[in-house]
Amino acid sequence: MILIAAKNKNNGIGYKNKLLFRIPEDMRFFRGTTEGKTVVVGHSTLKSFKDGKPLPNRRNIVLSRDPSLKIENAEVCRSAEELFELLKNDGIVPRLNNTENNSERPLNIPENDGIVPRLDNMKNNFEQCLNIPGNGGIVPRLDNMKNNFEQCLNIPENGGIVPRLDNMKNNFEQCLNTPENGGISPPENHESESVFVIGGGAVYELLERYCEYAFITEIDGDSAADTFINFLIPPRWTLVFRSEKKEFEGITYTFCKYKNNDVKQPQA
């Protein structure tokens, strides 16, 4: 699982069940990263969404202690154990248990709107292509790659995203870190990337120990907050990437990726 959140410099993430900031690039990153995936959200946070409805184009799993709660277009779980049992039945939890520290393991790259170009299926025939069906039917093709691995394709999709292939090595299973969507490199282990924990505070606290990565937008502001995340502390959580500083209407922010060095395995 991957945790995704935005916090101010005091680790505040919300006030009266509302976001502290609404930064367009951050909203685009959240949407592009989670669309087509599973999101896990608390019932109180769900109520803060537009019309109190589940997010579109995603599988929504809502955590609530209410035994009678039913939500249209969402699945409801009453505990972390029930959540993991649900994910296990979908084949997700067993894949979480297969995490390996192999840096050459291929990546799924969760870019804008769920585009997932995969490089691990390339064969020795360099002219074999991957069709990557991106936004609006955009199909960047890799079939023109030459024998020289250092030749690159610039694919300016989705507002100038440029996944680059010029660092490919002779080992096709070696992965690329492609800093898309604000510069967050994708996780080294691709199997759990389809499940995102999106809040609120109690759900983050409950599930952060099971998350391999945290995608955090760090905002240089100190607006009033009543909900916080205080667990991104070394040595268990370490910062592995920080983007360049960005600004919106005088607000400075960066996109960060944290790695959990002691992931707890779900017992489902």
Protein backbone atom coordinates (compact mmCIF):
# COMPACT_ATOMS: atom_id res chain seq x y z
CA MET A 1 0.00 0.00 0.00
CA ILE A 2 0.98 3.60 -0.52
CA LEU A 3 -0.05 6.51 1.67
CA ILE A 4 -0.77 9.81 -0.03
CA ALA A 5 -1.35 13.12 1.78
CA ALA A 6 -0.57 16.82 1.90
CA LYS A 7 0.66 18.44 5.11
CA ASN A 8 1.80 21.83 6.34
CA LYS A 9 5.08 22.53 8.11
CA ASN A 10 3.50 21.57 11.44
CA ASN A 11 2.35 18.19 10.05
CA GLY A 12 -1.24 19.41 9.88
CA ILE A 13 -3.39 17.79 7.20
CA GLY A 14 -6.89 19.13 7.87
CA TYR A 15 -9.17 21.43 9.80
CA LYS A 16 -12.83 20.73 10.57
CA ASN A 17 -12.76 17.85 8.08
CA LYS A 18 -11.48 20.02 5.24
CA LEU A 19 -8.18 20.27 3.43
CA LEU A 20 -5.85 23.05 4.54
CA PHE A 21 -4.88 24.02 1.00
CA ARG A 22 -6.16 23.44 -2.51
CA ILE A 23 -3.17 23.62 -4.81
CA PRO A 24 -4.04 22.75 -8.42
CA GLU A 25 -0.85 20.80 -9.15
CA ASP A 26 -1.26 18.79 -5.97
CA MET A 27 -4.89 18.01 -6.87
CA ARG A 28 -3.81 16.89 -10.33
CA PHE A 29 -1.11 14.69 -8.85
CA PHE A 30 -3.57 13.06 -6.46
CA ARG A 31 -6.10 12.47 -9.20
CA GLY A 32 -3.58 11.15 -11.71
CA THR A 33 -1.90 8.86 -9.19
CA THR A 34 -5.04 7.28 -7.77
CA GLU A 35 -7.39 7.06 -10.77
CA GLY A 36 -7.95 3.46 -11.80
CA LYS A 37 -6.66 2.24 -8.44
CA THR A 38 -8.11 1.22 -5.07
CA VAL A 39 -8.40 3.96 -2.45
CA VAL A 40 -8.95 3.36 1.26
CA VAL A 41 -10.69 6.19 3.08
CA GLY A 42 -12.36 6.83 6.41
CA HIS A 43 -16.10 7.50 6.52
CA SER A 44 -15.65 11.01 7.95
CA THR A 45 -13.25 11.94 5.16
CA LEU A 46 -15.64 10.50 2.58
CA LYS A 47 -18.30 12.91 3.83
CA SER A 48 -15.99 15.81 2.94
CA PHE A 49 -15.87 14.76 -0.73
CA LYS A 50 -18.13 16.38 -3.30
CA ASP A 51 -21.71 15.45 -2.41
CA GLY A 52 -20.27 13.01 0.13
CA LYS A 53 -19.85 10.43 -2.62
CA PRO A 54 -16.98 8.03 -3.39
CA LEU A 55 -14.30 9.23 -5.78
CA PRO A 56 -15.06 8.46 -9.43
CA ASN A 57 -12.91 6.15 -11.57
CA ARG A 58 -11.53 4.36 -8.52
CA ARG A 59 -12.44 1.42 -6.36
CA ASN A 60 -13.44 2.96 -3.01
CA ILE A 61 -13.09 1.05 0.25
CA VAL A 62 -14.50 2.91 3.25
CA LEU A 63 -13.42 2.18 6.82
CA SER A 64 -16.17 2.64 9.41
CA ARG A 65 -17.17 1.11 12.73
CA ASP A 66 -20.85 1.46 11.83
CA PRO A 67 -22.05 -2.14 11.37
CA SER A 68 -25.08 -1.08 9.31
CA LEU A 69 -23.33 1.38 6.98
CA LYS A 70 -23.86 0.83 3.27
CA ILE A 71 -22.53 3.20 0.61
CA GLU A 72 -23.40 3.14 -3.05
CA ASN A 73 -20.38 2.50 -5.30
CA ALA A 74 -18.16 1.65 -2.33
CA GLU A 75 -17.23 -1.32 -0.17
CA VAL A 76 -17.30 -0.93 3.61
CA CYS A 77 -14.87 -2.55 6.05
CA ARG A 78 -15.13 -2.35 9.84
CA SER A 79 -11.47 -2.98 10.70
CA ALA A 80 -7.99 -3.29 9.26
CA GLU A 81 -8.34 -7.07 9.47
CA GLU A 82 -11.52 -6.98 7.38
CA LEU A 83 -9.79 -4.69 4.90
CA PHE A 84 -6.86 -7.08 4.52
CA GLU A 85 -9.21 -10.03 4.13
CA LEU A 86 -10.99 -8.18 1.32
CA LEU A 87 -7.70 -7.35 -0.39
CA LYS A 88 -6.49 -10.91 0.12
CA ASN A 89 -9.53 -12.23 -1.70
CA ASP A 90 -8.59 -9.93 -4.57
CA GLY A 91 -5.06 -11.31 -4.59
CA ILE A 92 -3.48 -8.09 -3.33
CA VAL A 93 -2.27 -9.05 0.15
CA PRO A 94 -0.34 -12.15 -1.00
CA ARG A 95 1.53 -9.92 -3.44
CA LEU A 96 2.32 -7.53 -0.60
CA ASN A 97 3.97 -10.41 1.22
CA ASN A 98 6.35 -11.01 -1.67
CA THR A 99 8.27 -7.76 -1.27
CA GLU A 100 11.91 -8.15 -2.25
CA ASN A 101 14.83 -5.77 -1.90
CA ASN A 102 15.91 -6.30 -5.46
CA SER A 103 16.80 -3.00 -7.10
CA GLU A 104 16.65 -4.60 -10.53
CA ARG A 105 13.03 -5.61 -10.14
CA PRO A 106 10.83 -3.94 -12.81
CA LEU A 107 8.52 -1.08 -11.95
CA ASN A 108 5.00 -0.10 -12.67
CA ILE A 109 5.12 3.65 -13.13
CA PRO A 110 1.82 5.18 -11.90
CA GLU A 111 1.72 8.31 -13.97
CA ASN A 112 -1.09 10.71 -14.83
CA ASP A 113 -4.49 9.05 -14.86
CA GLY A 114 -3.11 5.62 -14.14
CA ILE A 115 -0.83 5.19 -17.17
CA VAL A 116 1.35 2.19 -16.38
CA PRO A 117 4.09 1.65 -18.94
CA ARG A 118 5.80 -1.65 -18.23
CA LEU A 119 9.32 -2.43 -19.38
CA ASP A 120 9.68 -5.92 -17.93
CA ASN A 121 8.02 -7.66 -20.87
CA MET A 122 10.49 -6.43 -23.49
CA LYS A 123 12.09 -9.25 -25.44
CA ASN A 124 15.49 -9.51 -27.04
CA ASN A 125 14.00 -8.25 -30.26
CA PHE A 126 14.51 -4.51 -29.97
CA GLU A 127 11.92 -3.82 -32.62
CA GLN A 128 9.15 -5.32 -30.52
CA CYS A 129 7.00 -2.51 -29.24
CA LEU A 130 5.00 -1.61 -26.17
CA ASN A 131 1.79 0.25 -26.78
CA ILE A 132 1.05 2.49 -23.81
CA PRO A 133 -2.61 3.56 -24.01
CA GLY A 134 -2.48 6.90 -22.27
CA ASN A 135 -4.88 9.83 -21.93
CA GLY A 136 -7.31 10.19 -24.78
CA GLY A 137 -5.86 7.30 -26.73
CA ILE A 138 -2.32 8.68 -26.85
CA VAL A 139 -0.14 5.76 -27.87
CA PRO A 140 3.58 6.44 -27.49
CA ARG A 141 5.36 3.62 -29.31
CA LEU A 142 8.68 2.07 -28.43
CA ASP A 143 9.06 0.00 -31.58
CA ASN A 144 11.57 2.38 -33.08
CA MET A 145 14.20 1.78 -30.43
CA LYS A 146 17.56 1.00 -31.95
CA ASN A 147 20.28 -1.28 -30.73
CA ASN A 148 21.90 1.62 -28.98
CA PHE A 149 20.33 1.67 -25.51
CA GLU A 150 21.37 5.25 -24.97
CA GLN A 151 19.03 6.49 -27.67
CA CYS A 152 15.97 7.92 -26.01
CA LEU A 153 12.35 8.66 -26.75
CA ASN A 154 10.93 11.83 -25.31
CA ILE A 155 7.21 11.27 -24.82
CA PRO A 156 5.67 14.67 -24.00
CA GLU A 157 2.31 13.41 -22.80
CA ASN A 158 -0.03 14.93 -20.22
CA GLY A 159 1.31 18.45 -19.95
CA GLY A 160 4.90 17.71 -20.78
CA ILE A 161 5.59 14.51 -18.87
CA VAL A 162 8.76 13.09 -20.36
CA PRO A 163 9.53 9.51 -19.38
CA ARG A 164 13.04 8.90 -20.63
CA LEU A 165 14.50 5.62 -21.80
CA ASP A 166 18.09 6.73 -22.32
CA ASN A 167 19.33 5.18 -19.08
CA MET A 168 18.31 1.63 -19.96
CA LYS A 169 21.02 -0.91 -19.36
CA ASN A 170 21.59 -4.31 -20.93
CA ASN A 171 19.48 -5.90 -18.24
CA PHE A 172 15.88 -5.38 -19.34
CA GLU A 173 14.67 -5.94 -15.81
CA GLN A 174 16.62 -3.00 -14.45
CA CYS A 175 14.13 -0.32 -13.52
CA LEU A 176 13.79 3.35 -14.33
CA ASN A 177 12.89 5.96 -11.78
CA THR A 178 10.77 8.36 -13.75
CA PRO A 179 10.05 11.51 -11.69
CA GLU A 180 6.61 12.23 -13.10
CA ASN A 181 3.79 14.25 -11.55
CA GLY A 182 5.77 16.67 -9.44
CA GLY A 183 8.89 14.55 -9.50
CA ILE A 184 7.84 11.64 -7.30
CA SER A 185 9.66 8.54 -8.39
CA PRO A 186 7.54 5.39 -8.45
CA PRO A 187 7.94 2.72 -5.77
CA GLU A 188 10.59 0.06 -6.19
CA ASN A 189 8.09 -2.71 -5.51
CA HIS A 190 5.24 -2.49 -7.98
CA GLU A 191 2.85 -5.07 -6.62
CA SER A 192 1.20 -2.94 -3.94
CA GLU A 193 0.85 0.26 -5.93
CA SER A 194 -2.81 -0.36 -6.74
CA VAL A 195 -3.92 0.44 -3.14
CA PHE A 196 -3.69 4.02 -1.85
CA VAL A 197 -4.49 5.14 1.69
CA ILE A 198 -5.99 8.61 1.33
CA GLY A 199 -7.10 9.59 4.86
CA GLY A 200 -8.16 10.91 7.18
CA GLY A 201 -5.93 11.12 10.20
CA ALA A 202 -7.21 8.04 12.04
CA VAL A 203 -6.95 5.90 8.89
CA TYR A 204 -3.40 7.11 8.26
CA GLU A 205 -2.44 6.20 11.83
CA LEU A 206 -4.07 2.78 11.50
CA LEU A 207 -2.51 1.79 8.18
CA GLU A 208 0.77 3.70 7.85
CA ARG A 209 2.78 0.79 9.27
CA TYR A 210 1.56 -1.39 6.38
CA CYS A 211 2.45 1.16 3.69
CA GLU A 212 5.67 0.81 1.76
CA TYR A 213 5.78 4.40 0.63
CA ALA A 214 4.23 7.74 1.45
CA PHE A 215 3.70 10.36 -1.24
CA ILE A 216 3.59 13.62 0.71
CA THR A 217 3.06 17.13 -0.57
CA GLU A 218 4.87 19.32 1.97
CA ILE A 219 3.44 22.82 2.08
CA ASP A 220 5.37 25.69 3.69
CA GLY A 221 2.43 27.09 5.58
CA ASP A 222 1.20 27.03 9.17
CA SER A 223 -2.55 27.37 8.77
CA ALA A 224 -4.70 26.19 11.66
CA ALA A 225 -5.17 22.42 11.77
CA ASP A 226 -6.88 19.91 14.03
CA THR A 227 -5.71 16.72 12.30
CA PHE A 228 -2.04 15.74 12.02
CA ILE A 229 0.29 13.01 10.80
CA ASN A 230 3.30 12.61 13.06
CA PHE A 231 4.66 9.21 12.07
CA LEU A 232 7.08 10.10 9.25
CA ILE A 233 10.06 9.81 11.58
CA PRO A 234 13.42 8.11 10.93
CA PRO A 235 14.76 5.51 11.10
CA ARG A 236 11.54 3.74 10.12
CA TRP A 237 10.47 6.37 7.60
CA THR A 238 13.19 7.98 5.50
CA LEU A 239 12.94 10.66 2.84
CA VAL A 240 14.09 9.25 -0.52
CA PHE A 241 13.03 12.03 -2.86
CA ARG A 242 12.19 15.73 -2.72
CA SER A 243 11.23 17.77 -5.77
CA GLU A 244 12.38 21.29 -6.46
CA LYS A 245 10.39 23.98 -4.70
CA LYS A 246 7.18 25.04 -6.40
CA GLU A 247 4.88 27.98 -5.76
CA PHE A 248 1.19 28.74 -6.09
CA GLU A 249 -0.26 32.10 -5.07
CA GLY A 250 2.62 32.74 -2.70
CA ILE A 251 2.50 29.24 -1.17
CA THR A 252 5.70 27.23 -1.47
CA TYR A 253 5.47 23.44 -1.62
CA THR A 254 7.43 20.34 -2.61
CA PHE A 255 6.52 16.79 -3.61
CA CYS A 256 8.23 14.19 -1.43
CA LYS A 257 8.48 10.43 -1.28
CA TYR A 258 9.18 8.60 1.98
CA LYS A 259 10.09 4.94 2.30
CA ASN A 260 8.97 2.71 5.16
CA ASN A 261 12.02 0.66 6.19
CA ASP A 262 10.04 -1.66 8.45
CA VAL A 263 6.80 -2.53 6.67
CA LYS A 264 4.43 -4.61 8.77
CA GLN A 265 2.90 -7.46 6.81
CA PRO A 266 -0.90 -7.76 6.90
CA GLN A 267 -2.21 -10.76 8.82
CA ALA A 268 -5.32 -11.62 6.85
